[in-house]
Amino acid sequence: MIAQQGPTQKLPSGAAPERTEPQTAFRYRQLAAEIERRILDGTYAPGERLPSVRGLHRQTTLSISTVYQAYMELAATGFVEARPKSGYFVLPVSLRDFKPPVFRKRSSAPQRVDLAPVVNSVVAAMSDPRLVPLGNTAADAVQPAEVRAARK
């Protein structure tokens, strides 16, 4: 079913993908299941390039969009990756089986928060003449005399 570039297996011309799902399944899912089965049984090794979309289209009776959708499905499930202008490659098993860590939320008792020190530090920073108020949204109506003199 799948034409390979390089020393990998090739099914007879016109061979249909093995039916691993019911007949009512979409063709792209049937193709994706067949490629996934070949990846899992070792026919396609990690890092190996898969057949091109057009090559697989020519070898099977499936449309280019069906083959493309099958590759997109495999990429979404983590079996293959698309490399720009290079094609589709089988991902290593270690990356496919990677599960992100699960963080459990600790239950903690409510704690009293005192905002007075934070407010006091903000007020102190606002009144410090050495700091430039970059977060100010309006111009200061009262300007020091040296600023007015520098503008003239």
N, C-alpha and C. Protein backbone atom coordinates (compact mmCIF):
# COMPACT_ATOMS: atom_id res chain seq x y z
N MET A 1 0.81 -1.18 0.00
CA MET A 1 0.00 0.00 0.00
C MET A 1 0.86 1.25 0.00
N ILE A 2 1.93 1.27 0.72
CA ILE A 2 2.68 2.49 0.92
C ILE A 2 4.01 2.40 0.20
N ALA A 3 4.23 3.29 -0.73
CA ALA A 3 5.49 3.32 -1.45
C ALA A 3 6.51 4.03 -0.57
N GLN A 4 7.64 3.52 -0.47
CA GLN A 4 8.68 4.06 0.40
C GLN A 4 9.85 4.52 -0.45
N GLN A 5 10.47 5.56 -0.04
CA GLN A 5 11.69 5.99 -0.69
C GLN A 5 12.83 5.43 0.12
N GLY A 6 13.61 4.60 -0.44
CA GLY A 6 14.70 3.98 0.30
C GLY A 6 14.44 2.49 0.44
N PRO A 7 15.19 1.83 1.30
CA PRO A 7 15.13 0.38 1.40
C PRO A 7 14.03 -0.13 2.31
N THR A 8 12.81 0.35 2.16
CA THR A 8 11.72 -0.14 2.99
C THR A 8 10.71 -0.86 2.13
N GLN A 9 9.72 -1.43 2.78
CA GLN A 9 8.76 -2.28 2.10
C GLN A 9 7.79 -1.48 1.24
N LYS A 10 7.30 -2.17 0.21
CA LYS A 10 6.33 -1.57 -0.69
C LYS A 10 5.30 -2.66 -1.02
N LEU A 11 4.04 -2.30 -0.93
CA LEU A 11 3.00 -3.26 -1.27
C LEU A 11 2.78 -3.26 -2.77
N PRO A 12 2.17 -4.31 -3.30
CA PRO A 12 1.88 -4.36 -4.74
C PRO A 12 1.05 -3.16 -5.16
N SER A 13 1.25 -2.75 -6.37
CA SER A 13 0.54 -1.59 -6.91
C SER A 13 -0.97 -1.79 -6.82
N GLY A 14 -1.66 -0.75 -6.35
CA GLY A 14 -3.11 -0.79 -6.26
C GLY A 14 -3.64 -1.51 -5.04
N ALA A 15 -2.77 -1.95 -4.14
CA ALA A 15 -3.25 -2.65 -2.95
C ALA A 15 -3.92 -1.67 -2.02
N ALA A 16 -5.05 -2.05 -1.48
CA ALA A 16 -5.80 -1.19 -0.57
C ALA A 16 -5.27 -1.37 0.84
N PRO A 17 -5.43 -0.37 1.70
CA PRO A 17 -4.97 -0.52 3.09
C PRO A 17 -5.76 -1.62 3.79
N GLU A 18 -5.10 -2.29 4.72
CA GLU A 18 -5.79 -3.33 5.48
C GLU A 18 -6.90 -2.68 6.29
N ARG A 19 -8.01 -3.36 6.39
CA ARG A 19 -9.16 -2.82 7.10
C ARG A 19 -9.03 -3.15 8.58
N THR A 20 -8.66 -2.15 9.37
CA THR A 20 -8.55 -2.35 10.80
C THR A 20 -9.73 -1.73 11.53
N GLU A 21 -10.53 -0.98 10.80
CA GLU A 21 -11.70 -0.34 11.38
C GLU A 21 -12.92 -0.76 10.56
N PRO A 22 -14.11 -0.50 11.06
CA PRO A 22 -15.31 -0.87 10.31
C PRO A 22 -15.37 -0.18 8.96
N GLN A 23 -16.13 -0.74 8.05
CA GLN A 23 -16.25 -0.21 6.70
C GLN A 23 -16.79 1.22 6.70
N THR A 24 -17.50 1.61 7.74
CA THR A 24 -18.08 2.94 7.77
C THR A 24 -17.08 4.01 8.16
N ALA A 25 -15.87 3.63 8.58
CA ALA A 25 -14.86 4.61 8.99
C ALA A 25 -14.41 5.43 7.79
N PHE A 26 -13.97 6.63 8.06
CA PHE A 26 -13.46 7.48 6.98
C PHE A 26 -12.20 6.86 6.41
N ARG A 27 -11.97 7.08 5.14
CA ARG A 27 -10.80 6.49 4.48
C ARG A 27 -9.51 7.01 5.07
N TYR A 28 -9.46 8.29 5.41
CA TYR A 28 -8.23 8.82 5.97
C TYR A 28 -7.91 8.16 7.31
N ARG A 29 -8.95 7.83 8.08
CA ARG A 29 -8.71 7.14 9.35
C ARG A 29 -8.24 5.71 9.12
N GLN A 30 -8.76 5.07 8.10
CA GLN A 30 -8.31 3.72 7.76
C GLN A 30 -6.83 3.74 7.36
N LEU A 31 -6.47 4.73 6.54
CA LEU A 31 -5.08 4.86 6.13
C LEU A 31 -4.19 5.19 7.32
N ALA A 32 -4.64 6.10 8.16
CA ALA A 32 -3.87 6.47 9.35
C ALA A 32 -3.68 5.26 10.27
N ALA A 33 -4.72 4.45 10.42
CA ALA A 33 -4.62 3.25 11.26
C ALA A 33 -3.62 2.26 10.68
N GLU A 34 -3.61 2.13 9.36
CA GLU A 34 -2.66 1.22 8.71
C GLU A 34 -1.22 1.70 8.90
N ILE A 35 -0.98 2.99 8.72
CA ILE A 35 0.37 3.53 8.90
C ILE A 35 0.78 3.42 10.37
N GLU A 36 -0.16 3.70 11.28
CA GLU A 36 0.12 3.57 12.71
C GLU A 36 0.50 2.12 13.06
N ARG A 37 -0.23 1.15 12.50
CA ARG A 37 0.07 -0.26 12.75
C ARG A 37 1.48 -0.58 12.27
N ARG A 38 1.86 -0.08 11.11
CA ARG A 38 3.19 -0.33 10.57
C ARG A 38 4.28 0.33 11.42
N ILE A 39 3.98 1.48 12.00
CA ILE A 39 4.93 2.13 12.89
C ILE A 39 5.11 1.29 14.15
N LEU A 40 3.99 0.84 14.71
CA LEU A 40 4.05 0.08 15.95
C LEU A 40 4.69 -1.30 15.77
N ASP A 41 4.51 -1.92 14.60
CA ASP A 41 5.12 -3.25 14.42
C ASP A 41 6.55 -3.17 13.89
N GLY A 42 7.07 -1.95 13.72
CA GLY A 42 8.47 -1.78 13.36
C GLY A 42 8.76 -1.70 11.88
N THR A 43 7.73 -1.73 11.04
CA THR A 43 7.95 -1.59 9.60
C THR A 43 8.59 -0.23 9.30
N TYR A 44 8.12 0.79 9.98
CA TYR A 44 8.72 2.12 9.88
C TYR A 44 9.44 2.42 11.18
N ALA A 45 10.73 2.66 11.08
CA ALA A 45 11.55 2.90 12.26
C ALA A 45 11.48 4.38 12.66
N PRO A 46 11.73 4.71 13.93
CA PRO A 46 11.77 6.11 14.35
C PRO A 46 12.79 6.89 13.53
N GLY A 47 12.39 8.06 13.08
CA GLY A 47 13.25 8.91 12.27
C GLY A 47 13.17 8.62 10.78
N GLU A 48 12.51 7.54 10.41
CA GLU A 48 12.41 7.16 9.00
C GLU A 48 11.40 8.06 8.28
N ARG A 49 11.73 8.38 7.04
CA ARG A 49 10.85 9.21 6.23
C ARG A 49 9.72 8.35 5.68
N LEU A 50 8.50 8.86 5.80
CA LEU A 50 7.33 8.17 5.25
C LEU A 50 7.18 8.55 3.78
N PRO A 51 6.39 7.80 3.04
CA PRO A 51 6.18 8.15 1.63
C PRO A 51 5.58 9.55 1.50
N SER A 52 5.88 10.19 0.39
CA SER A 52 5.32 11.51 0.15
C SER A 52 3.81 11.40 -0.04
N VAL A 53 3.14 12.50 0.13
CA VAL A 53 1.69 12.53 -0.04
C VAL A 53 1.32 12.13 -1.47
N ARG A 54 2.02 12.70 -2.44
CA ARG A 54 1.71 12.37 -3.83
C ARG A 54 2.10 10.94 -4.19
N GLY A 55 3.20 10.47 -3.63
CA GLY A 55 3.62 9.09 -3.89
C GLY A 55 2.61 8.10 -3.35
N LEU A 56 2.12 8.36 -2.15
CA LEU A 56 1.12 7.48 -1.55
C LEU A 56 -0.20 7.58 -2.31
N HIS A 57 -0.51 8.76 -2.81
CA HIS A 57 -1.71 8.95 -3.63
C HIS A 57 -1.62 8.12 -4.91
N ARG A 58 -0.45 8.13 -5.55
CA ARG A 58 -0.28 7.37 -6.79
C ARG A 58 -0.34 5.86 -6.54
N GLN A 59 0.17 5.42 -5.40
CA GLN A 59 0.21 3.99 -5.12
C GLN A 59 -1.15 3.44 -4.69
N THR A 60 -1.94 4.26 -4.04
CA THR A 60 -3.26 3.82 -3.59
C THR A 60 -4.32 4.46 -4.48
N THR A 61 -5.55 4.16 -4.21
CA THR A 61 -6.64 4.77 -4.97
C THR A 61 -7.22 5.96 -4.20
N LEU A 62 -6.48 6.45 -3.23
CA LEU A 62 -6.97 7.54 -2.38
C LEU A 62 -6.55 8.89 -2.95
N SER A 63 -7.34 9.91 -2.66
CA SER A 63 -7.03 11.25 -3.14
C SER A 63 -5.89 11.86 -2.33
N ILE A 64 -5.30 12.91 -2.87
CA ILE A 64 -4.23 13.61 -2.18
C ILE A 64 -4.72 14.18 -0.86
N SER A 65 -5.93 14.74 -0.85
CA SER A 65 -6.45 15.31 0.39
C SER A 65 -6.71 14.23 1.44
N THR A 66 -7.08 13.02 1.02
CA THR A 66 -7.29 11.93 1.97
C THR A 66 -5.97 11.51 2.59
N VAL A 67 -4.93 11.39 1.77
CA VAL A 67 -3.60 11.02 2.28
C VAL A 67 -3.09 12.11 3.21
N TYR A 68 -3.26 13.38 2.81
CA TYR A 68 -2.82 14.50 3.63
C TYR A 68 -3.54 14.49 4.98
N GLN A 69 -4.85 14.25 4.97
CA GLN A 69 -5.62 14.22 6.22
C GLN A 69 -5.16 13.08 7.13
N ALA A 70 -4.80 11.95 6.54
CA ALA A 70 -4.28 10.82 7.33
C ALA A 70 -2.97 11.22 8.00
N TYR A 71 -2.09 11.90 7.29
CA TYR A 71 -0.84 12.35 7.88
C TYR A 71 -1.10 13.39 8.98
N MET A 72 -2.07 14.26 8.76
CA MET A 72 -2.40 15.26 9.79
C MET A 72 -2.91 14.56 11.06
N GLU A 73 -3.71 13.53 10.88
CA GLU A 73 -4.22 12.75 12.02
C GLU A 73 -3.06 12.10 12.77
N LEU A 74 -2.11 11.53 12.05
CA LEU A 74 -0.95 10.89 12.68
C LEU A 74 -0.08 11.92 13.38
N ALA A 75 0.04 13.11 12.80
CA ALA A 75 0.82 14.17 13.44
C ALA A 75 0.14 14.63 14.72
N ALA A 76 -1.19 14.72 14.69
CA ALA A 76 -1.94 15.16 15.87
C ALA A 76 -1.85 14.14 17.00
N THR A 77 -1.73 12.87 16.67
CA THR A 77 -1.64 11.84 17.70
C THR A 77 -0.19 11.58 18.11
N GLY A 78 0.77 12.23 17.47
CA GLY A 78 2.16 12.12 17.89
C GLY A 78 2.93 10.97 17.28
N PHE A 79 2.44 10.38 16.21
CA PHE A 79 3.17 9.30 15.57
C PHE A 79 4.16 9.79 14.54
N VAL A 80 3.84 10.90 13.88
CA VAL A 80 4.74 11.44 12.86
C VAL A 80 4.87 12.95 13.06
N GLU A 81 5.89 13.50 12.42
CA GLU A 81 6.04 14.96 12.41
C GLU A 81 6.28 15.41 10.98
N ALA A 82 5.73 16.55 10.65
CA ALA A 82 5.93 17.13 9.33
C ALA A 82 7.12 18.07 9.40
N ARG A 83 8.03 17.91 8.47
CA ARG A 83 9.19 18.81 8.37
C ARG A 83 9.04 19.58 7.06
N PRO A 84 9.10 20.90 7.14
CA PRO A 84 8.91 21.70 5.93
C PRO A 84 9.87 21.30 4.81
N LYS A 85 9.32 21.11 3.64
CA LYS A 85 10.05 20.77 2.42
C LYS A 85 10.84 19.47 2.53
N SER A 86 10.52 18.64 3.52
CA SER A 86 11.22 17.37 3.69
C SER A 86 10.28 16.19 3.72
N GLY A 87 9.06 16.38 4.20
CA GLY A 87 8.10 15.29 4.26
C GLY A 87 7.70 14.96 5.68
N TYR A 88 7.21 13.74 5.85
CA TYR A 88 6.73 13.27 7.15
C TYR A 88 7.69 12.21 7.66
N PHE A 89 8.01 12.31 8.97
CA PHE A 89 8.96 11.40 9.59
C PHE A 89 8.34 10.79 10.83
N VAL A 90 8.71 9.53 11.09
CA VAL A 90 8.21 8.82 12.27
C VAL A 90 8.91 9.38 13.50
N LEU A 91 8.12 9.68 14.52
CA LEU A 91 8.68 10.17 15.77
C LEU A 91 9.16 9.00 16.62
N PRO A 92 10.19 9.23 17.42
CA PRO A 92 10.66 8.17 18.33
C PRO A 92 9.57 7.80 19.33
N VAL A 93 9.59 6.57 19.76
CA VAL A 93 8.59 6.07 20.70
C VAL A 93 8.62 6.87 21.99
N SER A 94 9.81 7.25 22.43
CA SER A 94 9.91 7.96 23.71
C SER A 94 9.15 9.28 23.66
N LEU A 95 9.09 9.93 22.50
CA LEU A 95 8.34 11.18 22.41
C LEU A 95 6.84 10.92 22.34
N ARG A 96 6.44 9.80 21.71
CA ARG A 96 5.02 9.49 21.61
C ARG A 96 4.45 9.13 22.98
N ASP A 97 5.23 8.42 23.79
CA ASP A 97 4.73 7.95 25.07
C ASP A 97 4.90 8.98 26.19
N PHE A 98 5.46 10.13 25.87
CA PHE A 98 5.69 11.15 26.89
C PHE A 98 4.35 11.68 27.39
N LYS A 99 4.19 11.64 28.68
CA LYS A 99 2.98 12.18 29.30
C LYS A 99 3.41 13.34 30.20
N PRO A 100 2.78 14.48 30.05
CA PRO A 100 3.15 15.60 30.90
C PRO A 100 2.85 15.30 32.36
N PRO A 101 3.60 15.89 33.26
CA PRO A 101 3.36 15.63 34.68
C PRO A 101 2.00 16.15 35.12
N VAL A 102 1.44 15.47 36.09
CA VAL A 102 0.15 15.87 36.64
C VAL A 102 0.42 16.57 37.96
N PHE A 103 -0.06 17.77 38.06
CA PHE A 103 0.12 18.53 39.29
C PHE A 103 -1.18 18.49 40.07
N ARG A 104 -1.07 18.04 41.27
CA ARG A 104 -2.25 17.99 42.13
C ARG A 104 -2.31 19.27 42.96
N LYS A 105 -3.48 19.82 43.00
CA LYS A 105 -3.66 21.04 43.76
C LYS A 105 -3.69 20.71 45.24
N ARG A 106 -2.83 21.37 45.97
CA ARG A 106 -2.81 21.16 47.41
C ARG A 106 -3.93 21.97 48.05
N SER A 107 -4.57 21.33 48.97
CA SER A 107 -5.59 22.07 49.69
C SER A 107 -4.91 22.76 50.87
N SER A 108 -5.09 24.03 50.94
CA SER A 108 -4.48 24.78 52.03
C SER A 108 -5.54 25.66 52.68
N ALA A 109 -5.30 25.93 53.90
CA ALA A 109 -6.23 26.76 54.65
C ALA A 109 -6.11 28.20 54.17
N PRO A 110 -7.20 28.93 54.19
CA PRO A 110 -7.13 30.35 53.81
C PRO A 110 -6.18 31.11 54.74
N GLN A 111 -5.48 32.06 54.14
CA GLN A 111 -4.54 32.86 54.91
C GLN A 111 -4.90 34.33 54.79
N ARG A 112 -4.67 35.03 55.85
CA ARG A 112 -4.94 36.46 55.87
C ARG A 112 -3.83 37.18 55.11
N VAL A 113 -4.24 38.08 54.23
CA VAL A 113 -3.29 38.84 53.43
C VAL A 113 -3.37 40.29 53.87
N ASP A 114 -2.22 40.85 54.18
CA ASP A 114 -2.16 42.25 54.62
C ASP A 114 -1.60 43.07 53.46
N LEU A 115 -2.43 43.95 52.92
CA LEU A 115 -2.02 44.75 51.77
C LEU A 115 -1.38 46.08 52.16
N ALA A 116 -1.44 46.45 53.40
CA ALA A 116 -0.91 47.75 53.82
C ALA A 116 0.56 47.93 53.44
N PRO A 117 1.45 46.95 53.67
CA PRO A 117 2.85 47.17 53.29
C PRO A 117 3.03 47.34 51.78
N VAL A 118 2.25 46.64 50.98
CA VAL A 118 2.36 46.76 49.53
C VAL A 118 1.88 48.15 49.08
N VAL A 119 0.76 48.58 49.61
CA VAL A 119 0.23 49.90 49.26
C VAL A 119 1.20 50.98 49.70
N ASN A 120 1.76 50.85 50.88
CA ASN A 120 2.72 51.84 51.37
C ASN A 120 3.95 51.91 50.48
N SER A 121 4.44 50.77 49.99
CA SER A 121 5.63 50.80 49.13
C SER A 121 5.30 51.45 47.78
N VAL A 122 4.09 51.26 47.26
CA VAL A 122 3.70 51.89 46.00
C VAL A 122 3.59 53.40 46.19
N VAL A 123 2.97 53.82 47.25
CA VAL A 123 2.83 55.26 47.52
C VAL A 123 4.21 55.88 47.71
N ALA A 124 5.10 55.20 48.40
CA ALA A 124 6.45 55.73 48.59
C ALA A 124 7.18 55.83 47.25
N ALA A 125 7.03 54.87 46.38
CA ALA A 125 7.68 54.90 45.07
C ALA A 125 7.11 56.02 44.21
N MET A 126 5.80 56.27 44.32
CA MET A 126 5.18 57.33 43.52
C MET A 126 5.67 58.71 43.95
N SER A 127 5.99 58.85 45.20
CA SER A 127 6.42 60.17 45.67
C SER A 127 7.92 60.37 45.59
N ASP A 128 8.66 59.36 45.16
CA ASP A 128 10.11 59.46 45.04
C ASP A 128 10.45 60.26 43.79
N PRO A 129 11.09 61.40 43.89
CA PRO A 129 11.39 62.24 42.73
C PRO A 129 12.45 61.61 41.81
N ARG A 130 13.20 60.64 42.28
CA ARG A 130 14.23 60.01 41.44
C ARG A 130 13.63 59.01 40.44
N LEU A 131 12.39 58.59 40.64
CA LEU A 131 11.76 57.61 39.77
C LEU A 131 10.89 58.30 38.72
N VAL A 132 10.95 57.83 37.51
CA VAL A 132 10.14 58.36 36.42
C VAL A 132 8.85 57.55 36.37
N PRO A 133 7.69 58.20 36.42
CA PRO A 133 6.41 57.47 36.39
C PRO A 133 6.05 57.01 34.98
N LEU A 134 6.63 55.91 34.54
CA LEU A 134 6.39 55.43 33.18
C LEU A 134 4.99 54.87 32.99
N GLY A 135 4.35 54.45 34.06
CA GLY A 135 3.03 53.87 33.94
C GLY A 135 1.91 54.89 34.03
N ASN A 136 2.23 56.15 34.08
CA ASN A 136 1.23 57.20 34.21
C ASN A 136 0.49 57.36 32.88
N THR A 137 -0.84 57.47 32.95
CA THR A 137 -1.61 57.60 31.72
C THR A 137 -1.94 59.06 31.38
N ALA A 138 -1.71 59.95 32.29
CA ALA A 138 -1.99 61.36 32.05
C ALA A 138 -0.76 62.18 32.43
N ALA A 139 -0.58 63.28 31.73
CA ALA A 139 0.54 64.15 32.04
C ALA A 139 0.30 64.86 33.36
N ASP A 140 1.36 65.10 34.06
CA ASP A 140 1.27 65.79 35.34
C ASP A 140 0.95 67.26 35.07
N ALA A 141 -0.13 67.75 35.68
CA ALA A 141 -0.54 69.14 35.44
C ALA A 141 0.43 70.12 36.10
N VAL A 142 1.02 69.73 37.18
CA VAL A 142 1.95 70.60 37.88
C VAL A 142 3.36 70.11 37.59
N GLN A 143 4.12 70.94 36.86
CA GLN A 143 5.48 70.57 36.53
C GLN A 143 6.45 71.40 37.34
N PRO A 144 7.54 70.78 37.74
CA PRO A 144 8.55 71.58 38.45
C PRO A 144 9.09 72.70 37.58
N ALA A 145 9.59 73.74 38.19
CA ALA A 145 10.07 74.91 37.46
C ALA A 145 11.22 74.57 36.54
N GLU A 146 12.11 73.64 36.95
CA GLU A 146 13.26 73.31 36.09
C GLU A 146 12.83 72.59 34.81
N VAL A 147 11.71 71.83 34.86
CA VAL A 147 11.22 71.16 33.67
C VAL A 147 10.66 72.20 32.70
N ARG A 148 9.89 73.16 33.23
CA ARG A 148 9.35 74.21 32.37
C ARG A 148 10.45 75.05 31.77
N ALA A 149 11.51 75.30 32.51
CA ALA A 149 12.62 76.11 32.01
C ALA A 149 13.39 75.35 30.93
N ALA A 150 13.50 74.02 31.05
CA ALA A 150 14.24 73.23 30.07
C ALA A 150 13.50 73.17 28.74
N ARG A 151 12.22 73.33 28.73
CA ARG A 151 11.45 73.27 27.49
C ARG A 151 11.52 74.57 26.70
N LYS A 152 11.89 75.66 27.32
CA LYS A 152 11.91 76.95 26.63
C LYS A 152 13.15 77.17 25.84
